[in-house]
């Protein structure tokens, strides 16, 4: 489980870094950068939660919420 979370965090960091380089034009505002960060963190959190729920479901847990 810890390895899965680590992989998801690493992937999110790479995607975030790539998105920062792609948005490095002169018209990028702090608001745009903040929105990119928010979206990346939200997507990462959702991915982690989905994987956690899937693992609990496969393990046969009664409560599959994470």
PDB file of N, CA and C in Angstrom:
ATOM      1  N   UNK A   1       0.826  -1.191   0.000  1.00  0.00           N
ATOM      2  CA  UNK A   1       0.000   0.000   0.000  1.00  0.00           C
ATOM      3  C   UNK A   1       0.870   1.255   0.000  1.00  0.00           C
ATOM      4  N   UNK A   2       1.924   1.231   0.825  1.00  0.00           N
ATOM      5  CA  UNK A   2       2.806   2.402   0.885  1.00  0.00           C
ATOM      6  C   UNK A   2       3.492   2.629  -0.456  1.00  0.00           C
ATOM      7  N   UNK A   3       3.865   1.532  -1.124  1.00  0.00           N
ATOM      8  CA  UNK A   3       4.504   1.672  -2.434  1.00  0.00           C
ATOM      9  C   UNK A   3       3.559   2.295  -3.439  1.00  0.00           C
ATOM     10  N   UNK A   4       2.295   1.905  -3.394  1.00  0.00           N
ATOM     11  CA  UNK A   4       1.298   2.448  -4.310  1.00  0.00           C
ATOM     12  C   UNK A   4       1.127   3.945  -4.092  1.00  0.00           C
ATOM     13  N   UNK A   5       1.030   4.347  -2.847  1.00  0.00           N
ATOM     14  CA  UNK A   5       0.879   5.771  -2.535  1.00  0.00           C
ATOM     15  C   UNK A   5       2.116   6.531  -2.999  1.00  0.00           C
ATOM     16  N   UNK A   6       3.293   5.967  -2.786  1.00  0.00           N
ATOM     17  CA  UNK A   6       4.525   6.607  -3.215  1.00  0.00           C
ATOM     18  C   UNK A   6       4.559   6.767  -4.733  1.00  0.00           C
ATOM     19  N   UNK A   7       4.139   5.749  -5.447  1.00  0.00           N
ATOM     20  CA  UNK A   7       4.114   5.816  -6.911  1.00  0.00           C
ATOM     21  C   UNK A   7       3.159   6.902  -7.378  1.00  0.00           C
ATOM     22  N   UNK A   8       1.975   6.966  -6.771  1.00  0.00           N
ATOM     23  CA  UNK A   8       0.986   7.976  -7.161  1.00  0.00           C
ATOM     24  C   UNK A   8       1.524   9.378  -6.889  1.00  0.00           C
ATOM     25  N   UNK A   9       2.173   9.566  -5.761  1.00  0.00           N
ATOM     26  CA  UNK A   9       2.726  10.883  -5.420  1.00  0.00           C
ATOM     27  C   UNK A   9       3.837  11.264  -6.407  1.00  0.00           C
ATOM     28  N   UNK A  10       4.685  10.308  -6.760  1.00  0.00           N
ATOM     29  CA  UNK A  10       5.758  10.590  -7.713  1.00  0.00           C
ATOM     30  C   UNK A  10       5.188  10.959  -9.078  1.00  0.00           C
ATOM     31  N   UNK A  11       4.190  10.208  -9.528  1.00  0.00           N
ATOM     32  CA  UNK A  11       3.557  10.507 -10.816  1.00  0.00           C
ATOM     33  C   UNK A  11       2.925  11.895 -10.786  1.00  0.00           C
ATOM     34  N   UNK A  12       2.264  12.217  -9.697  1.00  0.00           N
ATOM     35  CA  UNK A  12       1.639  13.539  -9.577  1.00  0.00           C
ATOM     36  C   UNK A  12       2.693  14.644  -9.624  1.00  0.00           C
ATOM     37  N   UNK A  13       3.828  14.422  -8.960  1.00  0.00           N
ATOM     38  CA  UNK A  13       4.893  15.422  -8.966  1.00  0.00           C
ATOM     39  C   UNK A  13       5.460  15.614 -10.374  1.00  0.00           C
ATOM     40  N   UNK A  14       5.626  14.518 -11.093  1.00  0.00           N
ATOM     41  CA  UNK A  14       6.134  14.607 -12.465  1.00  0.00           C
ATOM     42  C   UNK A  14       5.139  15.348 -13.350  1.00  0.00           C
ATOM     43  N   UNK A  15       3.860  15.002 -13.217  1.00  0.00           N
ATOM     44  CA  UNK A  15       2.833  15.681 -14.013  1.00  0.00           C
ATOM     45  C   UNK A  15       2.767  17.169 -13.675  1.00  0.00           C
ATOM     46  N   UNK A  16       2.898  17.479 -12.399  1.00  0.00           N
ATOM     47  CA  UNK A  16       2.881  18.877 -11.982  1.00  0.00           C
ATOM     48  C   UNK A  16       4.066  19.625 -12.593  1.00  0.00           C
ATOM     49  N   UNK A  17       5.244  19.015 -12.515  1.00  0.00           N
ATOM     50  CA  UNK A  17       6.429  19.646 -13.090  1.00  0.00           C
ATOM     51  C   UNK A  17       6.279  19.866 -14.583  1.00  0.00           C
ATOM     52  N   UNK A  18       5.743  18.868 -15.269  1.00  0.00           N
ATOM     53  CA  UNK A  18       5.542  18.999 -16.714  1.00  0.00           C
ATOM     54  C   UNK A  18       4.536  20.100 -17.028  1.00  0.00           C
ATOM     55  N   UNK A  19       3.495  20.181 -16.232  1.00  0.00           N
ATOM     56  CA  UNK A  19       2.481  21.212 -16.483  1.00  0.00           C
ATOM     57  C   UNK A  19       3.048  22.611 -16.243  1.00  0.00           C
ATOM     58  N   UNK A  20       3.978  22.733 -15.317  1.00  0.00           N
ATOM     59  CA  UNK A  20       4.582  24.035 -15.063  1.00  0.00           C
ATOM     60  C   UNK A  20       5.458  24.464 -16.242  1.00  0.00           C
ATOM     61  N   UNK A  21       6.173  23.529 -16.851  1.00  0.00           N
ATOM     62  CA  UNK A  21       6.992  23.863 -18.007  1.00  0.00           C
ATOM     63  C   UNK A  21       6.132  24.195 -19.213  1.00  0.00           C
ATOM     64  N   UNK A  22       5.016  23.506 -19.369  1.00  0.00           N
ATOM     65  CA  UNK A  22       4.146  23.761 -20.515  1.00  0.00           C
ATOM     66  C   UNK A  22       3.442  25.102 -20.392  1.00  0.00           C
ATOM     67  N   UNK A  23       3.225  25.572 -19.177  1.00  0.00           N
ATOM     68  CA  UNK A  23       2.520  26.830 -18.972  1.00  0.00           C
ATOM     69  C   UNK A  23       3.486  27.980 -18.692  1.00  0.00           C
ATOM     70  N   UNK A  24       4.713  27.867 -19.129  1.00  0.00           N
ATOM     71  CA  UNK A  24       5.696  28.890 -18.796  1.00  0.00           C
ATOM     72  C   UNK A  24       5.750  30.030 -19.818  1.00  0.00           C
ATOM     73  N   UNK A  25       4.653  30.268 -20.529  1.00  0.00           N
ATOM     74  CA  UNK A  25       4.637  31.400 -21.446  1.00  0.00           C
ATOM     75  C   UNK A  25       4.489  32.709 -20.675  1.00  0.00           C
ATOM     76  N   UNK A  26       4.606  33.816 -21.357  1.00  0.00           N
ATOM     77  CA  UNK A  26       4.602  35.123 -20.702  1.00  0.00           C
ATOM     78  C   UNK A  26       3.250  35.515 -20.124  1.00  0.00           C
ATOM     79  N   UNK A  27       2.178  34.876 -20.548  1.00  0.00           N
ATOM     80  CA  UNK A  27       0.842  35.243 -20.092  1.00  0.00           C
ATOM     81  C   UNK A  27       0.375  34.455 -18.874  1.00  0.00           C
ATOM     82  N   UNK A  28       1.226  33.627 -18.309  1.00  0.00           N
ATOM     83  CA  UNK A  28       0.852  32.827 -17.151  1.00  0.00           C
ATOM     84  C   UNK A  28       0.771  33.725 -15.925  1.00  0.00           C
ATOM     85  N   UNK A  29      -0.358  33.627 -15.223  1.00  0.00           N
ATOM     86  CA  UNK A  29      -0.539  34.412 -14.007  1.00  0.00           C
ATOM     87  C   UNK A  29      -0.428  33.510 -12.791  1.00  0.00           C
ATOM     88  N   UNK A  30      -0.288  34.127 -11.650  1.00  0.00           N
ATOM     89  CA  UNK A  30      -0.230  33.378 -10.396  1.00  0.00           C
ATOM     90  C   UNK A  30      -1.520  32.575 -10.202  1.00  0.00           C
ATOM     91  N   UNK A  31      -2.634  33.138 -10.652  1.00  0.00           N
ATOM     92  CA  UNK A  31      -3.914  32.435 -10.535  1.00  0.00           C
ATOM     93  C   UNK A  31      -3.917  31.161 -11.382  1.00  0.00           C
ATOM     94  N   UNK A  32      -3.361  31.239 -12.583  1.00  0.00           N
ATOM     95  CA  UNK A  32      -3.272  30.053 -13.446  1.00  0.00           C
ATOM     96  C   UNK A  32      -2.406  28.967 -12.809  1.00  0.00           C
ATOM     97  N   UNK A  33      -1.290  29.391 -12.252  1.00  0.00           N
ATOM     98  CA  UNK A  33      -0.386  28.437 -11.605  1.00  0.00           C
ATOM     99  C   UNK A  33      -1.066  27.814 -10.389  1.00  0.00           C
ATOM    100  N   UNK A  34      -1.751  28.637  -9.614  1.00  0.00           N
ATOM    101  CA  UNK A  34      -2.480  28.132  -8.446  1.00  0.00           C
ATOM    102  C   UNK A  34      -3.562  27.146  -8.834  1.00  0.00           C
ATOM    103  N   UNK A  35      -4.266  27.431  -9.911  1.00  0.00           N
ATOM    104  CA  UNK A  35      -5.304  26.530 -10.392  1.00  0.00           C
ATOM    105  C   UNK A  35      -4.705  25.199 -10.851  1.00  0.00           C
ATOM    106  N   UNK A  36      -3.560  25.267 -11.508  1.00  0.00           N
ATOM    107  CA  UNK A  36      -2.874  24.044 -11.941  1.00  0.00           C
ATOM    108  C   UNK A  36      -2.471  23.204 -10.730  1.00  0.00           C
ATOM    109  N   UNK A  37      -1.947  23.853  -9.714  1.00  0.00           N
ATOM    110  CA  UNK A  37      -1.564  23.147  -8.487  1.00  0.00           C
ATOM    111  C   UNK A  37      -2.795  22.514  -7.845  1.00  0.00           C
ATOM    112  N   UNK A  38      -3.876  23.272  -7.713  1.00  0.00           N
ATOM    113  CA  UNK A  38      -5.103  22.753  -7.115  1.00  0.00           C
ATOM    114  C   UNK A  38      -5.618  21.531  -7.871  1.00  0.00           C
ATOM    115  N   UNK A  39      -5.647  21.625  -9.185  1.00  0.00           N
ATOM    116  CA  UNK A  39      -6.143  20.507  -9.999  1.00  0.00           C
ATOM    117  C   UNK A  39      -5.259  19.275  -9.855  1.00  0.00           C
ATOM    118  N   UNK A  40      -3.957  19.479  -9.827  1.00  0.00           N
ATOM    119  CA  UNK A  40      -3.026  18.358  -9.692  1.00  0.00           C
ATOM    120  C   UNK A  40      -3.182  17.674  -8.344  1.00  0.00           C
ATOM    121  N   UNK A  41      -3.276  18.459  -7.282  1.00  0.00           N
ATOM    122  CA  UNK A  41      -3.435  17.894  -5.940  1.00  0.00           C
ATOM    123  C   UNK A  41      -4.772  17.168  -5.822  1.00  0.00           C
ATOM    124  N   UNK A  42      -5.837  17.751  -6.358  1.00  0.00           N
ATOM    125  CA  UNK A  42      -7.148  17.112  -6.321  1.00  0.00           C
ATOM    126  C   UNK A  42      -7.138  15.798  -7.087  1.00  0.00           C
ATOM    127  N   UNK A  43      -6.564  15.813  -8.278  1.00  0.00           N
ATOM    128  CA  UNK A  43      -6.487  14.588  -9.073  1.00  0.00           C
ATOM    129  C   UNK A  43      -5.674  13.512  -8.373  1.00  0.00           C
ATOM    130  N   UNK A  44      -4.579  13.902  -7.738  1.00  0.00           N
ATOM    131  CA  UNK A  44      -3.748  12.938  -7.010  1.00  0.00           C
ATOM    132  C   UNK A  44      -4.515  12.343  -5.834  1.00  0.00           C
ATOM    133  N   UNK A  45      -5.200  13.192  -5.096  1.00  0.00           N
ATOM    134  CA  UNK A  45      -5.999  12.710  -3.963  1.00  0.00           C
ATOM    135  C   UNK A  45      -7.083  11.758  -4.403  1.00  0.00           C
ATOM    136  N   UNK A  46      -7.744  12.077  -5.502  1.00  0.00           N
ATOM    137  CA  UNK A  46      -8.792  11.195  -6.020  1.00  0.00           C
ATOM    138  C   UNK A  46      -8.224   9.854  -6.472  1.00  0.00           C
ATOM    139  N   UNK A  47      -7.053   9.887  -7.095  1.00  0.00           N
ATOM    140  CA  UNK A  47      -6.421   8.645  -7.549  1.00  0.00           C
ATOM    141  C   UNK A  47      -6.034   7.765  -6.361  1.00  0.00           C
ATOM    142  N   UNK A  48      -5.489   8.383  -5.320  1.00  0.00           N
ATOM    143  CA  UNK A  48      -5.116   7.631  -4.127  1.00  0.00           C
ATOM    144  C   UNK A  48      -6.357   7.021  -3.482  1.00  0.00           C
ATOM    145  N   UNK A  49      -7.419   7.807  -3.368  1.00  0.00           N
ATOM    146  CA  UNK A  49      -8.657   7.303  -2.767  1.00  0.00           C
ATOM    147  C   UNK A  49      -9.237   6.159  -3.585  1.00  0.00           C
ATOM    148  N   UNK A  50      -9.231   6.286  -4.907  1.00  0.00           N
ATOM    149  CA  UNK A  50      -9.749   5.220  -5.770  1.00  0.00           C
ATOM    150  C   UNK A  50      -8.957   3.929  -5.591  1.00  0.00           C
ATOM    151  N   UNK A  51      -7.632   4.039  -5.537  1.00  0.00           N
ATOM    152  CA  UNK A  51      -6.792   2.850  -5.349  1.00  0.00           C
ATOM    153  C   UNK A  51      -7.034   2.225  -3.983  1.00  0.00           C
ATOM    154  N   UNK A  52      -7.180   3.049  -2.965  1.00  0.00           N
ATOM    155  CA  UNK A  52      -7.443   2.556  -1.616  1.00  0.00           C
ATOM    156  C   UNK A  52      -8.760   1.790  -1.575  1.00  0.00           C
ATOM    157  N   UNK A  53      -9.799   2.367  -2.166  1.00  0.00           N
ATOM    158  CA  UNK A  53     -11.107   1.715  -2.191  1.00  0.00           C
ATOM    159  C   UNK A  53     -11.063   0.407  -2.970  1.00  0.00           C
ATOM    160  N   UNK A  54     -10.319   0.382  -4.064  1.00  0.00           N
ATOM    161  CA  UNK A  54     -10.192  -0.827  -4.872  1.00  0.00           C
ATOM    162  C   UNK A  54      -9.481  -1.928  -4.073  1.00  0.00           C
ATOM    163  N   UNK A  55      -8.420  -1.548  -3.352  1.00  0.00           N
ATOM    164  CA  UNK A  55      -7.701  -2.512  -2.530  1.00  0.00           C
ATOM    165  C   UNK A  55      -8.600  -3.081  -1.434  1.00  0.00           C
ATOM    166  N   UNK A  56      -9.369  -2.212  -0.782  1.00  0.00           N
ATOM    167  CA  UNK A  56     -10.279  -2.682   0.269  1.00  0.00           C
ATOM    168  C   UNK A  56     -11.346  -3.599  -0.307  1.00  0.00           C
ATOM    169  N   UNK A  57     -11.856  -3.255  -1.497  1.00  0.00           N
ATOM    170  CA  UNK A  57     -12.858  -4.068  -2.146  1.00  0.00           C
ATOM    171  C   UNK A  57     -12.297  -5.450  -2.472  1.00  0.00           C
ATOM    172  N   UNK A  58     -11.085  -5.484  -3.009  1.00  0.00           N
ATOM    173  CA  UNK A  58     -10.438  -6.762  -3.354  1.00  0.00           C
ATOM    174  C   UNK A  58     -10.115  -7.592  -2.126  1.00  0.00           C
ATOM    175  N   UNK A  59      -9.885  -6.924  -0.987  1.00  0.00           N
ATOM    176  CA  UNK A  59      -9.581  -7.623   0.256  1.00  0.00           C
ATOM    177  C   UNK A  59     -10.837  -8.123   0.956  1.00  0.00           C
ATOM    178  N   UNK A  60     -11.996  -7.693   0.463  1.00  0.00           N
ATOM    179  CA  UNK A  60     -13.264  -8.134   1.050  1.00  0.00           C
ATOM    180  C   UNK A  60     -13.676  -7.357   2.287  1.00  0.00           C
ATOM    181  N   UNK A  61     -13.188  -6.153   2.442  1.00  0.00           N
ATOM    182  CA  UNK A  61     -13.538  -5.343   3.616  1.00  0.00           C
ATOM    183  C   UNK A  61     -15.000  -4.913   3.538  1.00  0.00           C
ATOM    184  N   UNK A  62     -15.642  -4.864   4.708  1.00  0.00           N
ATOM    185  CA  UNK A  62     -17.037  -4.420   4.749  1.00  0.00           C
ATOM    186  C   UNK A  62     -17.149  -2.941   4.397  1.00  0.00           C
ATOM    187  N   UNK A  63     -16.262  -2.137   4.962  1.00  0.00           N
ATOM    188  CA  UNK A  63     -16.258  -0.697   4.690  1.00  0.00           C
ATOM    189  C   UNK A  63     -15.176  -0.390   3.671  1.00  0.00           C
ATOM    190  N   UNK A  64     -15.579  -0.041   2.457  1.00  0.00           N
ATOM    191  CA  UNK A  64     -14.604   0.225   1.406  1.00  0.00           C
ATOM    192  C   UNK A  64     -14.286   1.703   1.255  1.00  0.00           C
ATOM    193  N   UNK A  65     -14.828   2.547   2.142  1.00  0.00           N
ATOM    194  CA  UNK A  65     -14.516   3.983   2.083  1.00  0.00           C
ATOM    195  C   UNK A  65     -13.118   4.229   2.652  1.00  0.00           C
ATOM    196  N   UNK A  66     -12.421   5.169   2.045  1.00  0.00           N
ATOM    197  CA  UNK A  66     -11.088   5.527   2.533  1.00  0.00           C
ATOM    198  C   UNK A  66     -11.092   6.961   3.014  1.00  0.00           C
TER     199      UNK A  66
END
